[in-house]
Amino acid sequence: MASQWHSLVSQKIFLARNLLGQLEHSDSVPTQEALLQGSIELGLRARKLTLVMIARVYQHKHSQPDDLEALDELIGTHSPEMTELEQLASDGRSWWSHLEQLERHQGNPPVTRKTVSNENVIAVAADTGPDRSKQALETTLGAMKHFIDILEDRHSEW
């Protein structure tokens, strides 16, 4: 059962990487933004499906946890997967945290910027949001793929 979910999550990651690969072939700014946002959305979907995959591994055949708290209620804190996911969630540089930042950024309207004039110039760097570069997204997707592959190997039936 987990293999079907592993395939589905892998497919979403593959498609997200495919979109990222198209970035350098596009000269249109709207197309580049669509490719970036599409890749992020597929990554977010893969992350959510990873939770479902873990629930299925623990024989919760109809559960679809939306977040770590819901998964924790299903499988308990002492499972290796919950331990790993909680560590990833607490590490601000992990693939889980990067996707969390991207979700918050992508799910909110852009921050309105003040117009710059001599009277309001302040020498402080503005927060630009999470790293949406192709390299950062590829790293995140690669780390997520590695995680689900380990999960699949750990629970695969012989």
Protein backbone atom coordinates (compact mmCIF):
# COMPACT_ATOMS: atom_id res chain seq x y z
CA MET A 1 0.00 0.00 0.00
CA ALA A 2 2.79 2.43 0.82
CA SER A 3 4.34 1.84 -2.62
CA GLN A 4 1.34 3.41 -4.35
CA TRP A 5 1.65 6.48 -2.14
CA HIS A 6 5.42 6.54 -2.63
CA SER A 7 4.83 6.55 -6.38
CA LEU A 8 2.33 9.38 -6.09
CA VAL A 9 4.64 11.54 -3.94
CA SER A 10 7.57 10.75 -6.26
CA GLN A 11 5.45 11.80 -9.24
CA LYS A 12 4.67 15.19 -7.66
CA ILE A 13 8.36 15.75 -6.92
CA PHE A 14 9.31 14.71 -10.46
CA LEU A 15 6.77 17.12 -11.96
CA ALA A 16 7.96 19.96 -9.69
CA ARG A 17 11.55 19.35 -10.81
CA ASN A 18 10.38 19.26 -14.42
CA LEU A 19 8.80 22.70 -14.03
CA LEU A 20 12.01 24.03 -12.49
CA GLY A 21 13.92 22.69 -15.49
CA GLN A 22 11.77 24.84 -17.76
CA LEU A 23 12.75 28.07 -15.96
CA GLU A 24 15.93 28.64 -17.92
CA HIS A 25 14.12 28.16 -21.24
CA SER A 26 11.58 30.88 -20.59
CA ASP A 27 12.13 34.56 -21.33
CA SER A 28 8.70 35.63 -20.11
CA VAL A 29 8.53 36.88 -16.51
CA PRO A 30 4.91 35.72 -16.06
CA THR A 31 5.83 32.27 -17.38
CA GLN A 32 8.82 32.07 -15.03
CA GLU A 33 6.61 33.04 -12.09
CA ALA A 34 4.02 30.45 -13.11
CA LEU A 35 6.73 27.78 -13.31
CA LEU A 36 8.08 28.76 -9.89
CA GLN A 37 4.68 28.86 -8.23
CA GLY A 38 3.64 25.61 -9.91
CA SER A 39 6.79 23.91 -8.69
CA ILE A 40 6.20 25.18 -5.15
CA GLU A 41 2.57 24.02 -5.21
CA LEU A 42 3.60 20.54 -6.35
CA GLY A 43 6.21 20.46 -3.58
CA LEU A 44 3.56 21.44 -1.05
CA ARG A 45 1.22 18.75 -2.38
CA ALA A 46 4.04 16.19 -2.14
CA ARG A 47 4.66 17.20 1.48
CA LYS A 48 0.97 16.73 2.35
CA LEU A 49 0.87 13.38 0.53
CA THR A 50 3.94 12.31 2.51
CA LEU A 51 1.84 12.60 5.65
CA VAL A 52 -0.84 10.43 4.04
CA MET A 53 1.84 7.95 2.97
CA ILE A 54 3.04 7.68 6.57
CA ALA A 55 -0.53 7.23 7.83
CA ARG A 56 -1.00 4.38 5.34
CA VAL A 57 2.21 2.72 6.51
CA TYR A 58 0.67 2.64 9.98
CA GLN A 59 -2.52 1.05 8.62
CA HIS A 60 -4.71 4.15 8.76
CA LYS A 61 -6.25 3.41 5.38
CA HIS A 62 -8.73 6.28 5.20
CA SER A 63 -6.96 9.02 7.13
CA GLN A 64 -5.60 12.08 5.40
CA PRO A 65 -3.70 14.13 7.99
CA ASP A 66 -3.21 17.76 7.01
CA ASP A 67 -0.35 18.54 9.37
CA LEU A 68 2.08 17.06 11.87
CA GLU A 69 -0.35 17.38 14.76
CA ALA A 70 -2.98 15.31 12.94
CA LEU A 71 -0.38 12.68 12.01
CA ASP A 72 0.85 12.61 15.61
CA GLU A 73 -2.69 11.86 16.80
CA LEU A 74 -2.86 8.94 14.37
CA ILE A 75 0.49 7.23 14.81
CA GLY A 76 1.85 8.59 18.09
CA THR A 77 4.91 10.57 19.02
CA HIS A 78 7.18 7.56 19.46
CA SER A 79 7.28 6.44 15.83
CA PRO A 80 10.56 7.05 13.99
CA GLU A 81 8.71 9.03 11.32
CA MET A 82 7.21 11.47 13.83
CA THR A 83 10.59 11.92 15.48
CA GLU A 84 12.20 12.65 12.11
CA LEU A 85 9.44 15.00 10.99
CA GLU A 86 9.48 16.92 14.28
CA GLN A 87 13.25 17.34 13.94
CA LEU A 88 12.79 18.57 10.37
CA ALA A 89 10.05 20.99 11.47
CA SER A 90 12.25 22.43 14.22
CA ASP A 91 15.27 22.85 11.91
CA GLY A 92 14.85 26.16 10.10
CA ARG A 93 17.10 24.96 7.25
CA SER A 94 15.33 21.67 6.50
CA TRP A 95 13.24 20.88 3.45
CA TRP A 96 10.14 20.73 5.68
CA SER A 97 10.75 24.23 7.06
CA HIS A 98 11.59 25.61 3.62
CA LEU A 99 8.26 24.35 2.28
CA GLU A 100 6.51 25.79 5.35
CA GLN A 101 8.04 29.21 4.61
CA LEU A 102 7.13 28.95 0.93
CA GLU A 103 3.55 28.02 1.81
CA ARG A 104 3.18 31.08 4.08
CA HIS A 105 4.77 33.32 1.47
CA GLN A 106 2.75 31.97 -1.45
CA GLY A 107 -0.52 31.93 0.49
CA ASN A 108 -0.46 35.64 1.32
CA PRO A 109 -0.70 38.75 -0.83
CA PRO A 110 2.58 40.52 -1.58
CA VAL A 111 3.75 43.00 1.01
CA THR A 112 3.14 46.55 -0.10
CA ARG A 113 6.35 48.51 -0.35
CA LYS A 114 6.77 52.15 0.53
CA THR A 115 7.91 54.42 -2.23
CA VAL A 116 11.50 55.49 -1.78
CA SER A 117 12.32 59.13 -1.25
CA ASN A 118 15.12 60.99 0.51
CA GLU A 119 12.90 61.44 3.58
CA ASN A 120 12.14 57.77 4.17
CA VAL A 121 15.36 55.96 3.24
CA ILE A 122 16.47 53.66 6.04
CA ALA A 123 19.62 51.57 5.85
CA VAL A 124 18.00 48.25 6.76
CA ALA A 125 17.71 45.26 4.46
CA ALA A 126 14.14 44.37 3.59
CA ASP A 127 12.85 40.87 4.19
CA THR A 128 12.42 39.33 0.76
CA GLY A 129 10.75 36.14 1.93
CA PRO A 130 11.92 32.55 1.56
CA ASP A 131 14.49 31.55 -1.02
CA ARG A 132 12.59 30.78 -4.23
CA SER A 133 15.68 30.23 -6.34
CA LYS A 134 15.86 27.24 -8.63
CA GLN A 135 18.79 25.85 -6.66
CA ALA A 136 17.01 26.17 -3.29
CA LEU A 137 13.86 24.52 -4.64
CA GLU A 138 15.86 21.69 -6.23
CA THR A 139 17.66 21.10 -2.94
CA THR A 140 14.37 20.99 -1.04
CA LEU A 141 12.75 18.64 -3.55
CA GLY A 142 15.82 16.40 -3.54
CA ALA A 143 15.83 16.19 0.25
CA MET A 144 12.12 15.38 0.29
CA LYS A 145 12.64 12.64 -2.31
CA HIS A 146 15.46 11.19 -0.22
CA PHE A 147 13.18 11.18 2.86
CA ILE A 148 10.33 9.34 1.14
CA ASP A 149 12.74 6.84 -0.44
CA ILE A 150 14.12 5.98 3.01
CA LEU A 151 10.58 5.72 4.33
CA GLU A 152 9.60 3.40 1.49
CA ASP A 153 12.68 1.20 2.05
CA ARG A 154 12.01 1.05 5.79
CA HIS A 155 8.44 -0.17 5.32
CA SER A 156 8.53 -2.06 2.04
CA GLU A 157 7.22 -5.59 2.10
CA TRP A 158 9.49 -8.40 1.07
